[in-house]
C-alpha atoms as a PDB file:
ATOM      1  CA  UNK A   1      -8.167 -16.030 -37.780  1.00  0.00           C
ATOM      2  CA  UNK A   2      -7.470 -13.882 -34.741  1.00  0.00           C
ATOM      3  CA  UNK A   3     -10.344 -11.562 -33.911  1.00  0.00           C
ATOM      4  CA  UNK A   4      -9.144  -8.003 -33.416  1.00  0.00           C
ATOM      5  CA  UNK A   5     -10.632  -4.568 -32.893  1.00  0.00           C
ATOM      6  CA  UNK A   6      -8.969  -1.303 -33.922  1.00  0.00           C
ATOM      7  CA  UNK A   7     -10.965   1.560 -32.346  1.00  0.00           C
ATOM      8  CA  UNK A   8      -9.443   4.258 -34.581  1.00  0.00           C
ATOM      9  CA  UNK A   9      -7.952   2.756 -37.780  1.00  0.00           C
ATOM     10  CA  UNK A  10      -6.768   6.102 -39.144  1.00  0.00           C
ATOM     11  CA  UNK A  11      -4.910   6.976 -35.953  1.00  0.00           C
ATOM     12  CA  UNK A  12      -3.453   3.458 -35.784  1.00  0.00           C
ATOM     13  CA  UNK A  13      -2.144   3.678 -39.363  1.00  0.00           C
ATOM     14  CA  UNK A  14      -0.595   7.083 -38.703  1.00  0.00           C
ATOM     15  CA  UNK A  15       1.240   5.779 -35.647  1.00  0.00           C
ATOM     16  CA  UNK A  16       2.510   2.765 -37.554  1.00  0.00           C
ATOM     17  CA  UNK A  17       3.773   4.950 -40.416  1.00  0.00           C
ATOM     18  CA  UNK A  18       5.589   7.198 -37.943  1.00  0.00           C
ATOM     19  CA  UNK A  19       7.364   4.245 -36.343  1.00  0.00           C
ATOM     20  CA  UNK A  20       8.326   2.848 -39.745  1.00  0.00           C
ATOM     21  CA  UNK A  21       9.643   6.274 -40.805  1.00  0.00           C
ATOM     22  CA  UNK A  22      11.848   6.375 -37.698  1.00  0.00           C
ATOM     23  CA  UNK A  23      13.445   3.053 -38.738  1.00  0.00           C
ATOM     24  CA  UNK A  24      13.142  -0.299 -36.936  1.00  0.00           C
ATOM     25  CA  UNK A  25      16.197   0.196 -34.717  1.00  0.00           C
ATOM     26  CA  UNK A  26      14.523   3.165 -33.048  1.00  0.00           C
ATOM     27  CA  UNK A  27      11.764   1.289 -31.236  1.00  0.00           C
ATOM     28  CA  UNK A  28      11.473  -1.181 -28.385  1.00  0.00           C
ATOM     29  CA  UNK A  29       8.776  -3.353 -26.838  1.00  0.00           C
ATOM     30  CA  UNK A  30       7.323  -3.216 -23.323  1.00  0.00           C
ATOM     31  CA  UNK A  31       5.156  -6.114 -22.161  1.00  0.00           C
ATOM     32  CA  UNK A  32       3.333  -7.343 -19.114  1.00  0.00           C
ATOM     33  CA  UNK A  33       3.873 -11.065 -18.405  1.00  0.00           C
ATOM     34  CA  UNK A  34       0.942 -12.895 -16.789  1.00  0.00           C
ATOM     35  CA  UNK A  35      -2.090 -13.148 -19.116  1.00  0.00           C
ATOM     36  CA  UNK A  36      -0.314 -10.971 -21.689  1.00  0.00           C
ATOM     37  CA  UNK A  37       2.561 -13.118 -22.909  1.00  0.00           C
ATOM     38  CA  UNK A  38       0.831 -16.112 -21.324  1.00  0.00           C
ATOM     39  CA  UNK A  39      -2.725 -17.269 -21.952  1.00  0.00           C
ATOM     40  CA  UNK A  40      -5.559 -16.251 -19.637  1.00  0.00           C
ATOM     41  CA  UNK A  41      -7.616 -19.397 -20.254  1.00  0.00           C
ATOM     42  CA  UNK A  42      -6.870 -23.055 -21.000  1.00  0.00           C
ATOM     43  CA  UNK A  43      -9.675 -25.311 -22.250  1.00  0.00           C
ATOM     44  CA  UNK A  44     -12.221 -22.698 -21.225  1.00  0.00           C
ATOM     45  CA  UNK A  45     -10.920 -22.450 -17.677  1.00  0.00           C
ATOM     46  CA  UNK A  46      -8.951 -19.537 -16.265  1.00  0.00           C
ATOM     47  CA  UNK A  47      -5.240 -20.245 -16.451  1.00  0.00           C
ATOM     48  CA  UNK A  48      -3.859 -21.114 -13.033  1.00  0.00           C
ATOM     49  CA  UNK A  49      -1.298 -18.636 -11.771  1.00  0.00           C
ATOM     50  CA  UNK A  50       1.969 -19.876 -10.290  1.00  0.00           C
ATOM     51  CA  UNK A  51       0.869 -18.756  -6.847  1.00  0.00           C
ATOM     52  CA  UNK A  52      -2.295 -20.831  -7.305  1.00  0.00           C
ATOM     53  CA  UNK A  53      -0.237 -23.869  -8.299  1.00  0.00           C
ATOM     54  CA  UNK A  54       1.779 -23.542  -5.112  1.00  0.00           C
ATOM     55  CA  UNK A  55      -1.481 -23.393  -3.179  1.00  0.00           C
ATOM     56  CA  UNK A  56      -3.183 -26.288  -4.926  1.00  0.00           C
ATOM     57  CA  UNK A  57      -0.167 -28.594  -4.806  1.00  0.00           C
ATOM     58  CA  UNK A  58       0.481 -27.830  -1.140  1.00  0.00           C
ATOM     59  CA  UNK A  59       4.072 -26.725  -1.604  1.00  0.00           C
ATOM     60  CA  UNK A  60       3.778 -24.552   1.506  1.00  0.00           C
ATOM     61  CA  UNK A  61       1.986 -24.660   4.838  1.00  0.00           C
ATOM     62  CA  UNK A  62      -1.824 -24.971   4.856  1.00  0.00           C
ATOM     63  CA  UNK A  63      -2.476 -21.547   6.333  1.00  0.00           C
ATOM     64  CA  UNK A  64      -0.560 -19.946   3.441  1.00  0.00           C
ATOM     65  CA  UNK A  65      -3.008 -21.505   0.979  1.00  0.00           C
ATOM     66  CA  UNK A  66      -6.070 -20.359   2.876  1.00  0.00           C
ATOM     67  CA  UNK A  67      -4.821 -16.824   3.489  1.00  0.00           C
ATOM     68  CA  UNK A  68      -3.511 -16.415  -0.061  1.00  0.00           C
ATOM     69  CA  UNK A  69      -6.876 -17.388  -1.528  1.00  0.00           C
ATOM     70  CA  UNK A  70      -8.677 -14.947   0.749  1.00  0.00           C
ATOM     71  CA  UNK A  71      -6.251 -12.224  -0.289  1.00  0.00           C
ATOM     72  CA  UNK A  72      -6.885 -12.920  -3.989  1.00  0.00           C
ATOM     73  CA  UNK A  73     -10.664 -13.107  -3.565  1.00  0.00           C
ATOM     74  CA  UNK A  74     -10.669  -9.762  -1.779  1.00  0.00           C
ATOM     75  CA  UNK A  75      -8.536  -7.751  -4.189  1.00  0.00           C
ATOM     76  CA  UNK A  76      -8.799  -9.328  -7.665  1.00  0.00           C
ATOM     77  CA  UNK A  77     -12.356  -8.031  -8.283  1.00  0.00           C
ATOM     78  CA  UNK A  78     -11.063  -4.522  -7.572  1.00  0.00           C
ATOM     79  CA  UNK A  79      -8.152  -5.012  -9.983  1.00  0.00           C
ATOM     80  CA  UNK A  80     -10.355  -5.954 -12.952  1.00  0.00           C
ATOM     81  CA  UNK A  81     -13.338  -3.668 -12.245  1.00  0.00           C
ATOM     82  CA  UNK A  82     -13.319  -0.863 -14.866  1.00  0.00           C
ATOM     83  CA  UNK A  83     -15.523   1.296 -12.631  1.00  0.00           C
ATOM     84  CA  UNK A  84     -12.989   1.529  -9.781  1.00  0.00           C
ATOM     85  CA  UNK A  85     -10.760   4.608  -9.993  1.00  0.00           C
ATOM     86  CA  UNK A  86      -7.035   4.295 -10.637  1.00  0.00           C
ATOM     87  CA  UNK A  87      -6.170   5.740  -7.228  1.00  0.00           C
ATOM     88  CA  UNK A  88      -8.405   3.209  -5.478  1.00  0.00           C
ATOM     89  CA  UNK A  89      -6.830   0.406  -7.504  1.00  0.00           C
ATOM     90  CA  UNK A  90      -3.303   1.560  -6.608  1.00  0.00           C
ATOM     91  CA  UNK A  91      -4.136   1.621  -2.905  1.00  0.00           C
ATOM     92  CA  UNK A  92      -5.810  -1.792  -3.041  1.00  0.00           C
ATOM     93  CA  UNK A  93      -2.963  -3.445  -4.971  1.00  0.00           C
ATOM     94  CA  UNK A  94      -0.329  -2.091  -2.582  1.00  0.00           C
ATOM     95  CA  UNK A  95      -2.300  -3.575   0.302  1.00  0.00           C
ATOM     96  CA  UNK A  96      -2.739  -6.872  -1.550  1.00  0.00           C
ATOM     97  CA  UNK A  97       0.941  -7.416  -2.325  1.00  0.00           C
ATOM     98  CA  UNK A  98       2.109  -6.414   1.126  1.00  0.00           C
ATOM     99  CA  UNK A  99      -0.122  -9.106   2.590  1.00  0.00           C
ATOM    100  CA  UNK A 100       0.926 -11.638  -0.051  1.00  0.00           C
ATOM    101  CA  UNK A 101       4.640 -11.055   0.409  1.00  0.00           C
ATOM    102  CA  UNK A 102       4.330 -11.284   4.175  1.00  0.00           C
ATOM    103  CA  UNK A 103       2.752 -14.720   3.675  1.00  0.00           C
ATOM    104  CA  UNK A 104       5.522 -15.775   1.274  1.00  0.00           C
ATOM    105  CA  UNK A 105       8.295 -14.611   3.606  1.00  0.00           C
ATOM    106  CA  UNK A 106       6.643 -16.313   6.562  1.00  0.00           C
ATOM    107  CA  UNK A 107       6.601 -19.510   4.474  1.00  0.00           C
ATOM    108  CA  UNK A 108      10.296 -19.178   3.598  1.00  0.00           C
ATOM    109  CA  UNK A 109       9.543 -19.757  -0.067  1.00  0.00           C
ATOM    110  CA  UNK A 110      12.761 -20.875  -1.761  1.00  0.00           C
ATOM    111  CA  UNK A 111      14.089 -20.610  -5.305  1.00  0.00           C
ATOM    112  CA  UNK A 112      14.059 -24.413  -5.468  1.00  0.00           C
ATOM    113  CA  UNK A 113      10.284 -24.516  -4.903  1.00  0.00           C
ATOM    114  CA  UNK A 114       9.682 -21.862  -7.565  1.00  0.00           C
ATOM    115  CA  UNK A 115      11.891 -23.688 -10.064  1.00  0.00           C
ATOM    116  CA  UNK A 116      10.165 -26.980  -9.287  1.00  0.00           C
ATOM    117  CA  UNK A 117       6.754 -25.410  -9.921  1.00  0.00           C
ATOM    118  CA  UNK A 118       7.887 -23.942 -13.244  1.00  0.00           C
ATOM    119  CA  UNK A 119       9.544 -27.106 -14.485  1.00  0.00           C
ATOM    120  CA  UNK A 120       6.715 -29.445 -13.491  1.00  0.00           C
ATOM    121  CA  UNK A 121       3.652 -27.366 -14.346  1.00  0.00           C
ATOM    122  CA  UNK A 122       2.375 -26.204 -17.724  1.00  0.00           C
ATOM    123  CA  UNK A 123       3.243 -22.573 -18.429  1.00  0.00           C
ATOM    124  CA  UNK A 124       1.058 -21.646 -21.373  1.00  0.00           C
ATOM    125  CA  UNK A 125       2.584 -18.892 -23.442  1.00  0.00           C
ATOM    126  CA  UNK A 126       0.323 -17.558 -26.179  1.00  0.00           C
ATOM    127  CA  UNK A 127       0.477 -19.293 -29.542  1.00  0.00           C
ATOM    128  CA  UNK A 128       3.217 -18.008 -31.864  1.00  0.00           C
ATOM    129  CA  UNK A 129       5.365 -16.950 -28.911  1.00  0.00           C
ATOM    130  CA  UNK A 130       8.385 -18.575 -30.597  1.00  0.00           C
ATOM    131  CA  UNK A 131       8.145 -16.218 -33.564  1.00  0.00           C
ATOM    132  CA  UNK A 132       7.600 -13.254 -31.263  1.00  0.00           C
ATOM    133  CA  UNK A 133      10.698 -13.819 -29.117  1.00  0.00           C
ATOM    134  CA  UNK A 134      12.891 -15.017 -32.006  1.00  0.00           C
ATOM    135  CA  UNK A 135      12.013 -12.062 -34.219  1.00  0.00           C
ATOM    136  CA  UNK A 136      12.846  -9.499 -31.551  1.00  0.00           C
ATOM    137  CA  UNK A 137      16.089 -11.278 -30.678  1.00  0.00           C
ATOM    138  CA  UNK A 138      17.306 -11.658 -34.273  1.00  0.00           C
ATOM    139  CA  UNK A 139      16.467  -8.016 -34.997  1.00  0.00           C
ATOM    140  CA  UNK A 140      18.141  -6.837 -31.780  1.00  0.00           C
ATOM    141  CA  UNK A 141      14.939  -5.175 -30.529  1.00  0.00           C
ATOM    142  CA  UNK A 142      14.902  -4.741 -26.721  1.00  0.00           C
ATOM    143  CA  UNK A 143      11.996  -6.385 -24.895  1.00  0.00           C
ATOM    144  CA  UNK A 144      11.324  -5.033 -21.408  1.00  0.00           C
ATOM    145  CA  UNK A 145       9.003  -7.172 -19.301  1.00  0.00           C
ATOM    146  CA  UNK A 146       7.370  -5.197 -16.484  1.00  0.00           C
ATOM    147  CA  UNK A 147       5.579  -7.579 -14.160  1.00  0.00           C
ATOM    148  CA  UNK A 148       3.856  -7.417 -10.789  1.00  0.00           C
ATOM    149  CA  UNK A 149       4.196 -11.186 -10.401  1.00  0.00           C
ATOM    150  CA  UNK A 150       3.426 -12.507  -6.948  1.00  0.00           C
ATOM    151  CA  UNK A 151       6.428 -14.820  -7.195  1.00  0.00           C
ATOM    152  CA  UNK A 152       8.642 -12.128  -8.662  1.00  0.00           C
ATOM    153  CA  UNK A 153      11.627 -12.143 -10.981  1.00  0.00           C
ATOM    154  CA  UNK A 154      12.677 -15.742 -10.351  1.00  0.00           C
ATOM    155  CA  UNK A 155       9.410 -17.250 -11.600  1.00  0.00           C
ATOM    156  CA  UNK A 156       9.569 -15.351 -14.905  1.00  0.00           C
ATOM    157  CA  UNK A 157      13.257 -16.164 -15.340  1.00  0.00           C
ATOM    158  CA  UNK A 158      12.608 -19.902 -14.948  1.00  0.00           C
ATOM    159  CA  UNK A 159       9.600 -19.724 -17.284  1.00  0.00           C
ATOM    160  CA  UNK A 160      11.836 -18.335 -20.034  1.00  0.00           C
ATOM    161  CA  UNK A 161      14.567 -20.811 -19.198  1.00  0.00           C
ATOM    162  CA  UNK A 162      12.087 -23.641 -19.626  1.00  0.00           C
ATOM    163  CA  UNK A 163      11.168 -22.591 -23.186  1.00  0.00           C
ATOM    164  CA  UNK A 164      14.819 -21.791 -24.032  1.00  0.00           C
ATOM    165  CA  UNK A 165      14.128 -18.115 -24.731  1.00  0.00           C
ATOM    166  CA  UNK A 166      16.396 -16.391 -22.217  1.00  0.00           C
ATOM    167  CA  UNK A 167      17.678 -14.064 -24.902  1.00  0.00           C
ATOM    168  CA  UNK A 168      20.130 -11.216 -24.328  1.00  0.00           C
ATOM    169  CA  UNK A 169      17.619  -8.630 -25.583  1.00  0.00           C
ATOM    170  CA  UNK A 170      15.123  -9.440 -22.786  1.00  0.00           C
ATOM    171  CA  UNK A 171      15.132  -7.572 -19.472  1.00  0.00           C
ATOM    172  CA  UNK A 172      12.796  -8.746 -16.701  1.00  0.00           C
ATOM    173  CA  UNK A 173      11.767  -6.114 -14.172  1.00  0.00           C
ATOM    174  CA  UNK A 174       9.620  -7.415 -11.340  1.00  0.00           C
ATOM    175  CA  UNK A 175       9.423  -7.825  -7.589  1.00  0.00           C
ATOM    176  CA  UNK A 176      12.636  -9.257  -6.190  1.00  0.00           C
ATOM    177  CA  UNK A 177      13.068 -11.161  -2.958  1.00  0.00           C
ATOM    178  CA  UNK A 178      16.051 -10.831  -0.669  1.00  0.00           C
ATOM    179  CA  UNK A 179      17.150 -14.370   0.158  1.00  0.00           C
ATOM    180  CA  UNK A 180      19.319 -16.109   2.700  1.00  0.00           C
ATOM    181  CA  UNK A 181      22.173 -18.503   1.861  1.00  0.00           C
ATOM    182  CA  UNK A 182      19.683 -21.363   1.424  1.00  0.00           C
ATOM    183  CA  UNK A 183      17.743 -19.352  -1.182  1.00  0.00           C
ATOM    184  CA  UNK A 184      14.725 -18.737   1.053  1.00  0.00           C
ATOM    185  CA  UNK A 185      12.867 -15.419   0.922  1.00  0.00           C
ATOM    186  CA  UNK A 186      13.460 -13.238   3.968  1.00  0.00           C
ATOM    187  CA  UNK A 187      12.362  -9.837   2.607  1.00  0.00           C
ATOM    188  CA  UNK A 188      11.198  -8.100  -0.577  1.00  0.00           C
ATOM    189  CA  UNK A 189      12.958  -5.168  -2.188  1.00  0.00           C
ATOM    190  CA  UNK A 190      11.147  -1.843  -2.199  1.00  0.00           C
ATOM    191  CA  UNK A 191       9.268  -0.409  -3.940  1.00  0.00           C
ATOM    192  CA  UNK A 192       6.730  -3.185  -4.375  1.00  0.00           C
ATOM    193  CA  UNK A 193       5.670  -3.447  -8.015  1.00  0.00           C
ATOM    194  CA  UNK A 194       1.952  -3.981  -8.623  1.00  0.00           C
ATOM    195  CA  UNK A 195      -0.262  -3.798 -11.698  1.00  0.00           C
ATOM    196  CA  UNK A 196      -1.008  -0.083 -11.313  1.00  0.00           C
ATOM    197  CA  UNK A 197       2.373   1.442 -10.445  1.00  0.00           C
ATOM    198  CA  UNK A 198       4.693  -0.283 -12.903  1.00  0.00           C
ATOM    199  CA  UNK A 199       6.035   2.115 -15.501  1.00  0.00           C
ATOM    200  CA  UNK A 200       9.211   2.649 -17.415  1.00  0.00           C
ATOM    201  CA  UNK A 201      10.591   5.129 -14.916  1.00  0.00           C
ATOM    202  CA  UNK A 202      11.786   2.122 -12.885  1.00  0.00           C
ATOM    203  CA  UNK A 203      14.129   1.350 -15.776  1.00  0.00           C
ATOM    204  CA  UNK A 204      16.113   4.557 -15.444  1.00  0.00           C
ATOM    205  CA  UNK A 205      18.486   3.244 -12.791  1.00  0.00           C
ATOM    206  CA  UNK A 206      19.131   0.006 -14.680  1.00  0.00           C
ATOM    207  CA  UNK A 207      21.661  -0.716 -17.485  1.00  0.00           C
ATOM    208  CA  UNK A 208      18.855  -1.358 -19.994  1.00  0.00           C
ATOM    209  CA  UNK A 209      17.888   2.326 -19.851  1.00  0.00           C
ATOM    210  CA  UNK A 210      21.012   3.353 -21.738  1.00  0.00           C
ATOM    211  CA  UNK A 211      20.021   0.985 -24.522  1.00  0.00           C
ATOM    212  CA  UNK A 212      16.402   2.135 -24.887  1.00  0.00           C
ATOM    213  CA  UNK A 213      16.531   5.836 -24.010  1.00  0.00           C
ATOM    214  CA  UNK A 214      17.122   6.823 -27.644  1.00  0.00           C
ATOM    215  CA  UNK A 215      14.593   4.334 -29.013  1.00  0.00           C
ATOM    216  CA  UNK A 216      11.761   6.838 -28.978  1.00  0.00           C
ATOM    217  CA  UNK A 217       9.007   4.557 -30.280  1.00  0.00           C
ATOM    218  CA  UNK A 218       7.263   1.865 -28.251  1.00  0.00           C
ATOM    219  CA  UNK A 219       5.039  -1.157 -28.849  1.00  0.00           C
ATOM    220  CA  UNK A 220       3.237  -1.834 -25.557  1.00  0.00           C
ATOM    221  CA  UNK A 221       1.449  -5.093 -24.682  1.00  0.00           C
ATOM    222  CA  UNK A 222      -0.879  -5.482 -21.711  1.00  0.00           C
ATOM    223  CA  UNK A 223      -4.087  -6.983 -20.382  1.00  0.00           C
ATOM    224  CA  UNK A 224      -5.229  -4.604 -17.641  1.00  0.00           C
ATOM    225  CA  UNK A 225      -5.965  -0.899 -17.463  1.00  0.00           C
ATOM    226  CA  UNK A 226      -2.883  -0.460 -15.292  1.00  0.00           C
ATOM    227  CA  UNK A 227      -0.695  -1.672 -18.156  1.00  0.00           C
ATOM    228  CA  UNK A 228      -1.537   1.355 -20.276  1.00  0.00           C
ATOM    229  CA  UNK A 229       0.801   3.396 -18.062  1.00  0.00           C
ATOM    230  CA  UNK A 230       3.877   1.180 -18.411  1.00  0.00           C
ATOM    231  CA  UNK A 231       5.537   3.816 -20.605  1.00  0.00           C
ATOM    232  CA  UNK A 232       4.694   6.739 -18.298  1.00  0.00           C
ATOM    233  CA  UNK A 233       7.695   8.913 -17.542  1.00  0.00           C
ATOM    234  CA  UNK A 234       9.578   7.769 -20.629  1.00  0.00           C
ATOM    235  CA  UNK A 235      10.468  10.314 -23.315  1.00  0.00           C
ATOM    236  CA  UNK A 236       8.827   8.575 -26.266  1.00  0.00           C
ATOM    237  CA  UNK A 237       7.745   9.905 -29.643  1.00  0.00           C
ATOM    238  CA  UNK A 238       5.094   7.370 -30.732  1.00  0.00           C
ATOM    239  CA  UNK A 239       3.441   4.478 -28.912  1.00  0.00           C
ATOM    240  CA  UNK A 240       1.119   1.716 -30.122  1.00  0.00           C
ATOM    241  CA  UNK A 241      -0.791   0.165 -27.229  1.00  0.00           C
ATOM    242  CA  UNK A 242      -2.050  -3.393 -27.689  1.00  0.00           C
ATOM    243  CA  UNK A 243      -4.460  -4.982 -25.226  1.00  0.00           C
ATOM    244  CA  UNK A 244      -5.443  -8.617 -24.805  1.00  0.00           C
ATOM    245  CA  UNK A 245      -9.159  -8.554 -24.057  1.00  0.00           C
ATOM    246  CA  UNK A 246      -9.309 -11.678 -21.910  1.00  0.00           C
ATOM    247  CA  UNK A 247     -12.605 -10.786 -20.228  1.00  0.00           C
ATOM    248  CA  UNK A 248     -14.770  -9.695 -23.144  1.00  0.00           C
ATOM    249  CA  UNK A 249     -17.846  -7.735 -22.080  1.00  0.00           C
ATOM    250  CA  UNK A 250     -19.527  -4.715 -23.719  1.00  0.00           C
ATOM    251  CA  UNK A 251     -18.473  -2.621 -20.728  1.00  0.00           C
ATOM    252  CA  UNK A 252     -14.847  -3.726 -21.004  1.00  0.00           C
ATOM    253  CA  UNK A 253     -14.767  -3.116 -24.744  1.00  0.00           C
ATOM    254  CA  UNK A 254     -16.044   0.423 -24.313  1.00  0.00           C
ATOM    255  CA  UNK A 255     -13.618   1.204 -21.490  1.00  0.00           C
ATOM    256  CA  UNK A 256     -10.513  -0.180 -23.160  1.00  0.00           C
ATOM    257  CA  UNK A 257     -11.179   1.138 -26.635  1.00  0.00           C
ATOM    258  CA  UNK A 258     -10.472   4.546 -25.145  1.00  0.00           C
ATOM    259  CA  UNK A 259      -7.059   3.477 -23.849  1.00  0.00           C
ATOM    260  CA  UNK A 260      -5.637   1.064 -26.449  1.00  0.00           C
ATOM    261  CA  UNK A 261      -4.955   1.195 -30.191  1.00  0.00           C
ATOM    262  CA  UNK A 262      -5.428  -2.513 -30.950  1.00  0.00           C
ATOM    263  CA  UNK A 263      -7.548  -5.017 -29.022  1.00  0.00           C
ATOM    264  CA  UNK A 264      -6.962  -8.750 -29.441  1.00  0.00           C
ATOM    265  CA  UNK A 265     -10.181 -10.498 -28.485  1.00  0.00           C
ATOM    266  CA  UNK A 266     -11.005 -13.873 -26.944  1.00  0.00           C
ATOM    267  CA  UNK A 267      -7.628 -14.502 -25.324  1.00  0.00           C
ATOM    268  CA  UNK A 268      -6.094 -14.585 -28.798  1.00  0.00           C
ATOM    269  CA  UNK A 269      -2.583 -15.554 -29.961  1.00  0.00           C
ATOM    270  CA  UNK A 270       0.410 -13.354 -30.767  1.00  0.00           C
ATOM    271  CA  UNK A 271       0.138 -13.604 -34.548  1.00  0.00           C
ATOM    272  CA  UNK A 272      -1.326 -10.098 -35.005  1.00  0.00           C
ATOM    273  CA  UNK A 273       1.461  -8.667 -32.857  1.00  0.00           C
ATOM    274  CA  UNK A 274       3.987 -10.558 -34.965  1.00  0.00           C
ATOM    275  CA  UNK A 275       2.467  -9.154 -38.170  1.00  0.00           C
ATOM    276  CA  UNK A 276       2.784  -5.647 -36.789  1.00  0.00           C
ATOM    277  CA  UNK A 277       6.407  -6.176 -35.739  1.00  0.00           C
ATOM    278  CA  UNK A 278       7.225  -7.740 -39.096  1.00  0.00           C
ATOM    279  CA  UNK A 279       5.817  -4.730 -40.934  1.00  0.00           C
ATOM    280  CA  UNK A 280       8.099  -2.429 -38.928  1.00  0.00           C
ATOM    281  CA  UNK A 281      11.232  -4.564 -39.081  1.00  0.00           C
ATOM    282  CA  UNK A 282      10.952  -5.352 -42.806  1.00  0.00           C
ATOM    283  CA  UNK A 283      10.441  -1.683 -43.665  1.00  0.00           C
END
């Protein structure tokens, strides 16, 4: 059984009842990608990111691997530290991704390399992901994926292509590279999306906004404190925020209980999310 924590059960039930009262076709789902839809750990070891796979398998020049690891080691502790202020995190993540993208562009990372990594490496979505994606698709519920992926839109696209879940109700919003005719990265589109500046305001200039602007209720899925703001700037009525507690410590529990309505502990599966969605859709 999935271990969960609901900090305020009464408030959670009230939010759920409100969403059900508004009818299922008046809500949508916003989700982070890495370590939210995918697992954070495999066999007790932290799940390797796609950037790490590129480093470890020597897809690019040696200096890229060394500099990319240094960049991660410098900034990741800041990203996950609950005691660092949001403003400090935003500044640090902007610096991190600028450095990372400069390395990627210098390496001329191509779509072919990204696709090869996705197709030949294990991408571990959370258990019950099939039900999650199928249920939303069959019920015509929009799923907006807001991701600060270091490899950008292409990597997420190929990950969904691999599991045959590139459904029409899914919109992927992430960093996007400008590429030359050979498919190699030569620049990155501004603004750079990182874990603490991604919110639904970036949707407003995209076609998906017209579909979700009247869906005033939101189910939000994330795994970092920055994810709690993914709906900022959106005119919503009710929001249920679900957090995957991948790094379970007493300090983290206390910090995130203040920000999220439902915590899924121990890098758990999607079954509790599916139960929640089912209760709304079947209403």
